[in-house]
C-alpha atoms as a PDB file:
ATOM      1  CA  MET A   1     -15.824   3.449 -45.273  1.00  0.00           C
ATOM      2  CA  GLY A   2     -15.648   6.290 -47.830  1.00  0.00           C
ATOM      3  CA  LYS A   3     -18.466   8.547 -48.804  1.00  0.00           C
ATOM      4  CA  ILE A   4     -20.240   7.555 -52.015  1.00  0.00           C
ATOM      5  CA  LYS A   5     -20.785  10.462 -54.398  1.00  0.00           C
ATOM      6  CA  ILE A   6     -23.628  10.305 -56.911  1.00  0.00           C
ATOM      7  CA  GLY A   7     -23.700  12.301 -60.117  1.00  0.00           C
ATOM      8  CA  CYS A   8     -26.495  13.039 -62.536  1.00  0.00           C
ATOM      9  CA  GLU A   9     -26.488  12.181 -66.256  1.00  0.00           C
ATOM     10  CA  THR A  10     -28.145  14.667 -68.619  1.00  0.00           C
ATOM     11  CA  TYR A  11     -30.125  12.010 -70.513  1.00  0.00           C
ATOM     12  CA  THR A  12     -33.368  13.027 -68.787  1.00  0.00           C
ATOM     13  CA  TRP A  13     -33.023  16.512 -70.285  1.00  0.00           C
ATOM     14  CA  GLN A  14     -32.302  15.023 -73.707  1.00  0.00           C
ATOM     15  CA  MET A  15     -35.704  13.342 -73.913  1.00  0.00           C
ATOM     16  CA  PRO A  16     -37.640  16.567 -74.771  1.00  0.00           C
ATOM     17  CA  GLY A  17     -35.442  17.041 -77.855  1.00  0.00           C
ATOM     18  CA  GLU A  18     -33.657  20.347 -78.306  1.00  0.00           C
ATOM     19  CA  HIS A  19     -35.450  22.169 -75.468  1.00  0.00           C
ATOM     20  CA  TYR A  20     -32.593  21.977 -72.927  1.00  0.00           C
ATOM     21  CA  LYS A  21     -29.614  22.057 -75.304  1.00  0.00           C
ATOM     22  CA  GLY A  22     -27.292  24.887 -74.281  1.00  0.00           C
ATOM     23  CA  GLN A  23     -28.870  25.104 -70.827  1.00  0.00           C
ATOM     24  CA  LEU A  24     -26.278  23.074 -68.947  1.00  0.00           C
ATOM     25  CA  ASP A  25     -25.943  25.773 -66.281  1.00  0.00           C
ATOM     26  CA  HIS A  26     -29.675  25.380 -65.555  1.00  0.00           C
ATOM     27  CA  ILE A  27     -29.249  21.610 -65.379  1.00  0.00           C
ATOM     28  CA  MET A  28     -26.305  22.051 -62.995  1.00  0.00           C
ATOM     29  CA  GLU A  29     -28.416  24.268 -60.765  1.00  0.00           C
ATOM     30  CA  VAL A  30     -31.143  21.603 -60.633  1.00  0.00           C
ATOM     31  CA  CYS A  31     -28.526  18.922 -59.859  1.00  0.00           C
ATOM     32  CA  GLN A  32     -27.104  21.008 -57.037  1.00  0.00           C
ATOM     33  CA  GLN A  33     -30.554  21.625 -55.562  1.00  0.00           C
ATOM     34  CA  ALA A  34     -31.279  17.887 -55.733  1.00  0.00           C
ATOM     35  CA  GLY A  35     -28.105  17.114 -53.786  1.00  0.00           C
ATOM     36  CA  PHE A  36     -26.015  15.478 -56.510  1.00  0.00           C
ATOM     37  CA  ALA A  37     -22.226  15.638 -56.111  1.00  0.00           C
ATOM     38  CA  GLY A  38     -21.451  15.649 -59.817  1.00  0.00           C
ATOM     39  CA  ILE A  39     -22.734  15.735 -63.347  1.00  0.00           C
ATOM     40  CA  GLU A  40     -22.221  13.629 -66.478  1.00  0.00           C
ATOM     41  CA  PRO A  41     -23.167  15.868 -69.391  1.00  0.00           C
ATOM     42  CA  GLU A  42     -23.423  14.697 -72.963  1.00  0.00           C
ATOM     43  CA  SER A  43     -21.301  16.673 -75.407  1.00  0.00           C
ATOM     44  CA  SER A  44     -24.416  17.976 -77.179  1.00  0.00           C
ATOM     45  CA  PHE A  45     -25.296  20.022 -74.068  1.00  0.00           C
ATOM     46  CA  LEU A  46     -21.997  21.895 -73.741  1.00  0.00           C
ATOM     47  CA  GLU A  47     -22.331  24.801 -76.179  1.00  0.00           C
ATOM     48  CA  HIS A  48     -20.825  27.807 -74.298  1.00  0.00           C
ATOM     49  CA  LEU A  49     -19.501  25.509 -71.562  1.00  0.00           C
ATOM     50  CA  ALA A  50     -17.252  23.761 -74.080  1.00  0.00           C
ATOM     51  CA  ASP A  51     -14.674  26.285 -72.852  1.00  0.00           C
ATOM     52  CA  PRO A  52     -12.870  24.316 -70.085  1.00  0.00           C
ATOM     53  CA  GLU A  53     -12.285  27.416 -67.942  1.00  0.00           C
ATOM     54  CA  LEU A  54     -15.925  28.466 -68.129  1.00  0.00           C
ATOM     55  CA  MET A  55     -16.975  24.872 -67.351  1.00  0.00           C
ATOM     56  CA  LYS A  56     -14.644  24.828 -64.340  1.00  0.00           C
ATOM     57  CA  ASP A  57     -16.072  28.118 -63.055  1.00  0.00           C
ATOM     58  CA  THR A  58     -19.653  26.905 -63.534  1.00  0.00           C
ATOM     59  CA  LEU A  59     -18.957  23.593 -61.802  1.00  0.00           C
ATOM     60  CA  GLN A  60     -17.469  25.505 -58.869  1.00  0.00           C
ATOM     61  CA  LYS A  61     -20.452  27.863 -58.805  1.00  0.00           C
ATOM     62  CA  TYR A  62     -22.787  24.892 -58.290  1.00  0.00           C
ATOM     63  CA  ASP A  63     -20.318  22.887 -56.156  1.00  0.00           C
ATOM     64  CA  LEU A  64     -20.363  19.973 -58.615  1.00  0.00           C
ATOM     65  CA  GLU A  65     -17.690  17.681 -60.006  1.00  0.00           C
ATOM     66  CA  LEU A  66     -17.431  16.692 -63.658  1.00  0.00           C
ATOM     67  CA  ALA A  67     -17.834  12.931 -63.349  1.00  0.00           C
ATOM     68  CA  VAL A  68     -17.713  12.099 -67.049  1.00  0.00           C
ATOM     69  CA  LEU A  69     -18.043  13.861 -70.383  1.00  0.00           C
ATOM     70  CA  CYS A  70     -20.181  11.583 -72.537  1.00  0.00           C
ATOM     71  CA  ILE A  71     -19.524  11.851 -76.274  1.00  0.00           C
ATOM     72  CA  VAL A  72     -22.541  10.386 -78.052  1.00  0.00           C
ATOM     73  CA  GLU A  73     -22.084   9.523 -81.714  1.00  0.00           C
ATOM     74  CA  ASP A  74     -23.076   6.630 -83.963  1.00  0.00           C
ATOM     75  CA  TRP A  75     -19.594   5.304 -84.820  1.00  0.00           C
ATOM     76  CA  LEU A  76     -21.043   3.022 -87.484  1.00  0.00           C
ATOM     77  CA  HIS A  77     -17.797   2.068 -89.221  1.00  0.00           C
ATOM     78  CA  VAL A  78     -15.062  -0.418 -88.363  1.00  0.00           C
ATOM     79  CA  GLU A  79     -12.532   2.421 -88.383  1.00  0.00           C
ATOM     80  CA  GLU A  80     -13.130   5.917 -87.112  1.00  0.00           C
ATOM     81  CA  THR A  81     -13.888   8.344 -89.948  1.00  0.00           C
ATOM     82  CA  GLU A  82     -12.384  11.833 -90.181  1.00  0.00           C
ATOM     83  CA  ASP A  83     -15.805  13.337 -89.390  1.00  0.00           C
ATOM     84  CA  GLU A  84     -16.061  11.191 -86.259  1.00  0.00           C
ATOM     85  CA  LYS A  85     -12.578  12.261 -85.199  1.00  0.00           C
ATOM     86  CA  ASP A  86     -13.498  15.904 -85.725  1.00  0.00           C
ATOM     87  CA  VAL A  87     -16.587  15.495 -83.530  1.00  0.00           C
ATOM     88  CA  GLN A  88     -14.928  13.664 -80.657  1.00  0.00           C
ATOM     89  CA  MET A  89     -11.519  15.395 -80.450  1.00  0.00           C
ATOM     90  CA  PRO A  90     -12.741  18.521 -78.631  1.00  0.00           C
ATOM     91  CA  GLY A  91     -14.235  16.278 -75.964  1.00  0.00           C
ATOM     92  CA  LEU A  92     -11.060  14.246 -75.619  1.00  0.00           C
ATOM     93  CA  ASN A  93      -8.993  17.415 -75.437  1.00  0.00           C
ATOM     94  CA  PHE A  94     -11.373  18.887 -72.883  1.00  0.00           C
END
């Protein structure tokens, strides 16, 4: 039987509002110390780690895998608006 890997979602750090935004490296350090194998950050946490090479280096530093990149938006319309496309495209291109 294969080894099950468990990742951590950043929602817990979203609850205090803006306090942890831009501190994804800190969150990754906490995840590593807690024994998680991966991380599922929300796009609002990326900031400087929106650079794929920097993200890769930081993931390697903390020995974590990028499980999922969660793009959180309202998407209130039947069709995607241009603003919604502009927000989500960097994440899809990531």
